[in-house]
């Protein structure tokens, strides 16, 4: 992308990457003015854009009547997210009379916890909110 660069009152047409290099060489900041126009501004401290890491959280939903193979597939997804150091919320949805069968919910939760590698993982307590049971899995640093 070609841009117009204003250096000490002179207009120079260059690529954006070259304009950044010129700014670094002259220890100046590149400031956007308007449509494809930039200006070199000299300051004591350069204010380059910092790249921040986003804290990404994912949610994986389980139904009450989930089969063992489906649990294995979802556990593989959980492991991928953990490798990327994301936090994961596990939700188990219940409908109708399923709410009364809390022992089976605990079995699903224990299957999930047993199958994950426990070295760098922390869990939160199981919470109940209306017809949803949920807990979080976090990557330990």
Protein backbone atom coordinates (compact mmCIF):
# COMPACT_ATOMS: atom_id res chain seq x y z
CA UNK A 1 0.00 0.00 0.00
CA UNK A 2 1.50 3.33 -1.06
CA UNK A 3 1.27 6.19 1.40
CA UNK A 4 2.20 9.87 1.42
CA UNK A 5 4.82 10.63 4.03
CA UNK A 6 5.44 14.21 5.19
CA UNK A 7 9.05 14.73 6.27
CA UNK A 8 10.04 18.28 7.30
CA UNK A 9 7.49 19.86 4.94
CA UNK A 10 8.32 17.57 1.96
CA UNK A 11 5.88 14.96 0.65
CA UNK A 12 7.34 11.55 -0.15
CA UNK A 13 5.30 8.69 -1.69
CA UNK A 14 6.50 5.30 -0.40
CA UNK A 15 5.23 1.97 0.82
CA UNK A 16 3.93 1.81 4.38
CA UNK A 17 6.67 -0.63 5.46
CA UNK A 18 9.37 1.74 4.11
CA UNK A 19 7.75 4.65 5.96
CA UNK A 20 7.98 2.68 9.21
CA UNK A 21 11.67 1.95 8.58
CA UNK A 22 12.36 5.65 7.92
CA UNK A 23 10.60 6.53 11.18
CA UNK A 24 12.69 4.03 13.14
CA UNK A 25 15.95 5.26 11.59
CA UNK A 26 15.17 8.88 12.42
CA UNK A 27 13.85 7.88 15.88
CA UNK A 28 10.48 9.43 15.15
CA UNK A 29 6.88 8.32 15.32
CA UNK A 30 4.65 7.78 12.32
CA UNK A 31 1.32 9.56 12.86
CA UNK A 32 -1.78 9.02 10.71
CA UNK A 33 -3.28 12.29 9.41
CA UNK A 34 -5.96 11.34 6.86
CA UNK A 35 -6.45 9.11 3.80
CA UNK A 36 -3.09 7.42 3.25
CA UNK A 37 -1.20 10.42 4.68
CA UNK A 38 1.30 10.04 7.50
CA UNK A 39 3.60 12.51 9.21
CA UNK A 40 6.86 12.02 11.07
CA UNK A 41 6.68 13.45 14.59
CA UNK A 42 9.77 13.67 16.76
CA UNK A 43 9.24 12.87 20.45
CA UNK A 44 11.36 11.85 23.40
CA UNK A 45 9.67 8.45 23.72
CA UNK A 46 8.47 6.47 20.70
CA UNK A 47 4.90 5.23 21.00
CA UNK A 48 4.83 2.08 18.91
CA UNK A 49 1.78 -0.10 19.18
CA UNK A 50 2.12 -2.81 21.79
CA UNK A 51 0.75 -6.24 21.06
CA UNK A 52 -1.34 -7.51 23.92
CA UNK A 53 -2.22 -11.13 24.39
CA UNK A 54 -5.91 -11.70 24.59
CA UNK A 55 -7.18 -13.88 27.38
CA UNK A 56 -9.42 -16.22 25.45
CA UNK A 57 -12.02 -18.36 27.17
CA UNK A 58 -13.93 -21.11 25.44
CA UNK A 59 -17.14 -22.87 26.41
CA UNK A 60 -17.87 -26.53 25.73
CA UNK A 61 -21.42 -27.75 26.21
CA UNK A 62 -22.43 -31.25 27.23
CA UNK A 63 -25.89 -32.72 27.14
CA UNK A 64 -27.13 -35.10 29.80
CA UNK A 65 -27.38 -38.15 27.52
CA UNK A 66 -23.93 -37.84 25.98
CA UNK A 67 -22.20 -41.06 24.89
CA UNK A 68 -18.66 -42.05 25.83
CA UNK A 69 -17.33 -41.49 22.30
CA UNK A 70 -18.75 -37.96 22.23
CA UNK A 71 -17.10 -37.27 25.58
CA UNK A 72 -13.74 -38.43 24.14
CA UNK A 73 -14.10 -36.10 21.15
CA UNK A 74 -14.91 -33.13 23.37
CA UNK A 75 -11.99 -33.97 25.66
CA UNK A 76 -9.66 -33.80 22.64
CA UNK A 77 -11.00 -30.29 21.94
CA UNK A 78 -10.43 -29.34 25.58
CA UNK A 79 -6.82 -30.57 25.37
CA UNK A 80 -6.25 -28.45 22.23
CA UNK A 81 -7.56 -25.36 24.04
CA UNK A 82 -5.36 -26.10 27.06
CA UNK A 83 -2.28 -26.34 24.82
CA UNK A 84 -3.14 -22.84 23.56
CA UNK A 85 -3.39 -21.78 27.25
CA UNK A 86 -7.05 -20.81 27.04
CA UNK A 87 -9.47 -21.03 29.94
CA UNK A 88 -12.41 -23.35 29.35
CA UNK A 89 -15.91 -23.36 30.77
CA UNK A 90 -17.61 -26.76 30.81
CA UNK A 91 -21.42 -26.62 30.88
CA UNK A 92 -23.81 -29.55 31.32
CA UNK A 93 -27.37 -28.74 30.25
CA UNK A 94 -30.36 -30.52 31.77
CA UNK A 95 -33.97 -30.72 30.61
CA UNK A 96 -37.09 -31.70 32.52
CA UNK A 97 -36.64 -34.60 34.94
CA UNK A 98 -32.92 -34.85 34.25
CA UNK A 99 -32.43 -32.20 36.96
CA UNK A 100 -33.19 -34.85 39.61
CA UNK A 101 -30.33 -37.16 38.53
CA UNK A 102 -27.34 -35.37 40.05
CA UNK A 103 -25.35 -38.61 40.56
CA UNK A 104 -25.12 -39.10 36.80
CA UNK A 105 -23.92 -35.52 36.37
CA UNK A 106 -21.13 -36.20 38.86
CA UNK A 107 -20.13 -39.26 36.79
CA UNK A 108 -19.83 -37.12 33.66
CA UNK A 109 -17.73 -34.56 35.54
CA UNK A 110 -15.46 -37.27 36.97
CA UNK A 111 -14.96 -38.79 33.48
CA UNK A 112 -13.88 -35.41 32.16
CA UNK A 113 -11.47 -34.77 35.04
CA UNK A 114 -9.94 -38.28 34.92
CA UNK A 115 -9.26 -38.21 31.20
CA UNK A 116 -7.44 -34.84 31.23
CA UNK A 117 -3.73 -34.55 32.00
CA UNK A 118 -3.66 -33.01 35.49
CA UNK A 119 -0.13 -31.58 35.44
CA UNK A 120 -0.86 -27.99 34.47
CA UNK A 121 -4.61 -27.77 34.98
CA UNK A 122 -6.71 -26.27 37.77
CA UNK A 123 -10.44 -26.74 38.25
CA UNK A 124 -13.11 -24.63 39.89
CA UNK A 125 -15.97 -26.09 41.90
CA UNK A 126 -19.09 -27.33 40.17
CA UNK A 127 -21.80 -24.64 40.18
CA UNK A 128 -25.52 -25.03 39.61
CA UNK A 129 -27.46 -22.26 37.88
CA UNK A 130 -31.10 -23.19 37.13
CA UNK A 131 -30.78 -26.18 34.78
CA UNK A 132 -27.06 -25.77 34.00
CA UNK A 133 -24.13 -27.28 35.90
CA UNK A 134 -20.77 -25.69 35.07
CA UNK A 135 -17.12 -25.54 36.12
CA UNK A 136 -13.97 -23.95 34.73
CA UNK A 137 -10.66 -25.45 33.65
CA UNK A 138 -7.64 -23.12 33.71
CA UNK A 139 -4.05 -23.54 32.56
CA UNK A 140 -1.52 -23.19 35.39
CA UNK A 141 1.53 -21.08 34.63
